[in-house]
Structure formats: C-alpha cells, structure tokens
Amino acid sequence: MAYTNLVKLSVGTESVANLQDWQNMRRAELPDGLPRHVTRMWPKREAELLNGGSIYWVIKGSIQARQKILRLDEVIGNDGIRRCAIVLEPEIILTAAVLKRPFQGWRYLKPEDSPPDLSAQRENDDALPPEMSAALADIGIF
C-alpha cells in the first residue's frame, strides 16, 4: 500500500526552533509525552497516512520541516465533539523550503510533491530565505 502525507500551517510559529520549543513545552502535559496536532476532521485516508506518512509544516509561508505520523487518536472535547489527534514522532526533520500559499485546515500532500529532507550535513546551515530556496530548487541546485 502506498502512503500519503499531510501539509499544515503552523500558525504563529516563527521558526522550526520555535515549533520544537512549543512542542517540548506541551509534551509534559500529554499522557505519552508525544507531540500531537488536534484537528476537527478525521482523515479519510488514515491507512495511507499510517503507512509512512508525515505532516509537513508550513512556517512563515513555506514548508520547512516534517514529522512522521505515528497514529491517530480519538479525542472528545469538552463540547462533546469528536476530534482527531495526529500523534507525531518527537523528531522534527528539516526539509528544503518550498513556498506555500495560506489555506485552512490540513491538506493531503503526495509523496512526489513533498519537499526533500535536508541532509544531516546541512541541518546547521543558516536558512535561506524561502523565495531563494524555492528558486534554487526549481533549477535543481538545492
């Protein structure tokens, strides 16, 4: 079976480091210590997501990182509404920056449309502006 990914805006996040800090702070409040994103909609393509999918984070207008999806948990809110907790691996993997227009909620992201991971040698490099990174990726340099 094939896999698919999700893409989601990380609203209010300034950087990948900021996303990591926020998730670390929240982990102490969670029963299993794993980061999660709670959404009202349950993904219909659950099996594909759990077959190796990741959530790609849009930060400041560009996809910059991803986290592997571990499982989907049912969460019932104080309002009685069923929600989906997308449970994630703690490790945040940096990706090549790809510009992404704003959208609401999450969207499916085909593996072939997903940006590649940055190599371990590049993880400590200063981030390029998203526009420059996208332009370099378009011409096959980055």
Protein backbone atom coordinates (compact mmCIF):
# COMPACT_ATOMS: atom_id res chain seq x y z
CA MET A 1 0.00 0.00 0.00
CA ALA A 2 1.21 3.49 -0.84
CA TYR A 3 1.49 6.28 1.68
CA THR A 4 0.45 9.92 1.68
CA ASN A 5 1.41 12.98 3.71
CA LEU A 6 -0.37 15.97 5.20
CA VAL A 7 0.58 19.63 4.98
CA LYS A 8 -0.47 22.05 7.72
CA LEU A 9 0.14 25.71 8.55
CA SER A 10 1.92 26.18 11.86
CA VAL A 11 0.11 29.39 12.78
CA GLY A 12 2.06 31.80 14.97
CA THR A 13 5.31 29.87 14.60
CA GLU A 14 8.36 31.99 13.77
CA SER A 15 10.84 29.20 13.01
CA VAL A 16 11.42 25.45 13.18
CA ALA A 17 13.22 26.00 16.51
CA ASN A 18 10.13 27.83 17.78
CA LEU A 19 7.93 24.86 16.74
CA GLN A 20 10.29 22.47 18.58
CA ASP A 21 10.25 24.62 21.72
CA TRP A 22 6.45 24.81 21.72
CA GLN A 23 6.10 21.04 21.27
CA ASN A 24 8.65 20.37 24.03
CA MET A 25 6.71 22.63 26.40
CA ARG A 26 3.41 20.86 25.62
CA ARG A 27 4.86 17.33 25.92
CA ALA A 28 4.91 17.47 29.72
CA GLU A 29 1.12 17.94 29.67
CA LEU A 30 0.45 14.87 27.50
CA PRO A 31 -0.01 11.31 28.81
CA ASP A 32 2.55 9.68 26.49
CA GLY A 33 4.79 12.71 26.01
CA LEU A 34 4.40 12.61 22.22
CA PRO A 35 3.62 15.76 20.25
CA ARG A 36 0.25 15.91 18.56
CA HIS A 37 -1.92 18.18 16.50
CA VAL A 38 -5.65 18.05 17.23
CA THR A 39 -7.97 18.68 14.31
CA ARG A 40 -11.73 18.54 13.94
CA MET A 41 -11.65 16.49 10.75
CA TRP A 42 -10.64 12.82 10.77
CA PRO A 43 -8.51 11.97 7.71
CA LYS A 44 -10.35 9.58 5.39
CA ARG A 45 -7.01 8.26 4.11
CA GLU A 46 -5.92 7.09 7.57
CA ALA A 47 -4.35 3.83 6.37
CA GLU A 48 -2.15 5.69 3.86
CA LEU A 49 -1.04 8.22 6.48
CA LEU A 50 -0.10 5.45 8.91
CA ASN A 51 1.86 3.60 6.21
CA GLY A 52 4.81 6.00 6.42
CA GLY A 53 3.23 9.44 6.09
CA SER A 54 4.45 12.68 7.64
CA ILE A 55 2.96 16.05 8.44
CA TYR A 56 4.78 18.85 6.62
CA TRP A 57 4.80 22.16 8.49
CA VAL A 58 4.31 25.50 6.71
CA ILE A 59 6.13 28.18 8.70
CA LYS A 60 6.13 31.81 7.56
CA GLY A 61 4.81 30.94 4.09
CA SER A 62 6.99 27.95 3.24
CA ILE A 63 7.19 24.26 4.03
CA GLN A 64 10.29 23.97 6.22
CA ALA A 65 10.03 20.73 8.20
CA ARG A 66 8.18 17.48 8.70
CA GLN A 67 7.34 14.97 11.41
CA LYS A 68 6.44 11.31 10.94
CA ILE A 69 2.84 10.45 11.82
CA LEU A 70 2.67 7.62 14.38
CA ARG A 71 -1.06 7.21 14.91
CA LEU A 72 -4.44 8.94 15.02
CA ASP A 73 -6.18 9.10 18.41
CA GLU A 74 -9.80 9.95 19.09
CA VAL A 75 -10.25 12.94 21.38
CA ILE A 76 -13.62 14.07 22.71
CA GLY A 77 -13.57 17.77 23.57
CA ASN A 78 -15.33 19.47 26.48
CA ASP A 79 -18.04 20.34 23.96
CA GLY A 80 -18.65 16.63 23.27
CA ILE A 81 -17.35 16.85 19.70
CA ARG A 82 -15.12 14.05 18.38
CA ARG A 83 -11.74 15.24 17.14
CA CYS A 84 -8.61 13.61 15.74
CA ALA A 85 -5.24 13.89 17.48
CA ILE A 86 -2.49 13.35 14.92
CA VAL A 87 0.27 11.85 17.09
CA LEU A 88 3.78 12.61 15.85
CA GLU A 89 7.34 11.45 16.36
CA PRO A 90 9.22 13.98 18.51
CA GLU A 91 11.98 14.43 15.90
CA ILE A 92 11.44 17.35 13.54
CA ILE A 93 13.18 16.79 10.20
CA LEU A 94 14.23 19.86 8.23
CA THR A 95 13.20 19.94 4.57
CA ALA A 96 14.04 22.05 1.58
CA ALA A 97 11.95 25.22 1.79
CA VAL A 98 9.01 25.31 -0.63
CA LEU A 99 6.68 28.31 -0.83
CA LYS A 100 3.06 27.53 0.08
CA ARG A 101 0.06 29.83 -0.06
CA PRO A 102 -2.14 30.11 3.04
CA PHE A 103 -5.02 27.66 3.44
CA GLN A 104 -7.29 26.47 6.23
CA GLY A 105 -7.03 23.13 7.96
CA TRP A 106 -4.75 20.50 6.51
CA ARG A 107 -4.35 19.09 3.01
CA TYR A 108 -3.09 15.80 1.63
CA LEU A 109 0.37 16.04 0.08
CA LYS A 110 1.52 13.43 -2.41
CA PRO A 111 4.97 11.97 -1.76
CA GLU A 112 6.16 13.14 -5.19
CA ASP A 113 5.06 16.71 -4.34
CA SER A 114 6.74 16.69 -0.91
CA PRO A 115 10.00 18.60 -0.48
CA PRO A 116 13.12 16.52 0.16
CA ASP A 117 14.75 16.32 3.57
CA LEU A 118 17.86 18.39 4.14
CA SER A 119 20.93 16.26 4.54
CA ALA A 120 22.43 15.92 8.02
CA GLN A 121 25.41 17.99 6.86
CA ARG A 122 23.12 20.93 6.05
CA GLU A 123 20.97 20.95 9.22
CA ASN A 124 23.17 23.52 10.99
CA ASP A 125 23.38 25.84 7.99
CA ASP A 126 21.65 29.20 8.18
CA ALA A 127 18.26 29.03 6.50
CA LEU A 128 17.97 30.70 3.12
CA PRO A 129 15.02 32.99 2.52
CA PRO A 130 12.11 30.79 1.29
CA GLU A 131 11.96 32.60 -2.08
CA MET A 132 15.65 31.94 -2.75
CA SER A 133 15.44 28.33 -1.61
CA ALA A 134 12.40 27.73 -3.85
CA ALA A 135 14.13 29.36 -6.84
CA LEU A 136 17.24 27.21 -6.34
CA ALA A 137 15.10 24.08 -6.02
CA ASP A 138 13.26 24.98 -9.25
CA ILE A 139 16.53 24.98 -11.19
CA GLY A 140 17.82 21.84 -9.48
CA ILE A 141 20.60 23.37 -7.40
CA PHE A 142 19.10 22.99 -3.93
